[in-house]
């Protein structure tokens, strides 16, 4: 008999229609605070790229450049 493996609570009781608790505005606000940058409006499109692979490719192709505010790429 195979023992039952408990299911992770991360996979239980999901409300897929609920608003995300992750807010881009909060992440950008904290990044700006930590870097001492002024508050700016949130861009219309934000891509979270923790390992930088998307940014590296877009820069290599000439399709992205550092943003004027120094917080990301445009």
Foldseek 3Di string as FASTA:
>chain_A
DDDDDDDDPVPPDDDVVDDDPDDPQVVQVVLCVVVVFDDDDDDPDDDDDPVCPVVVVCVVVVNWDQDPRRRGID
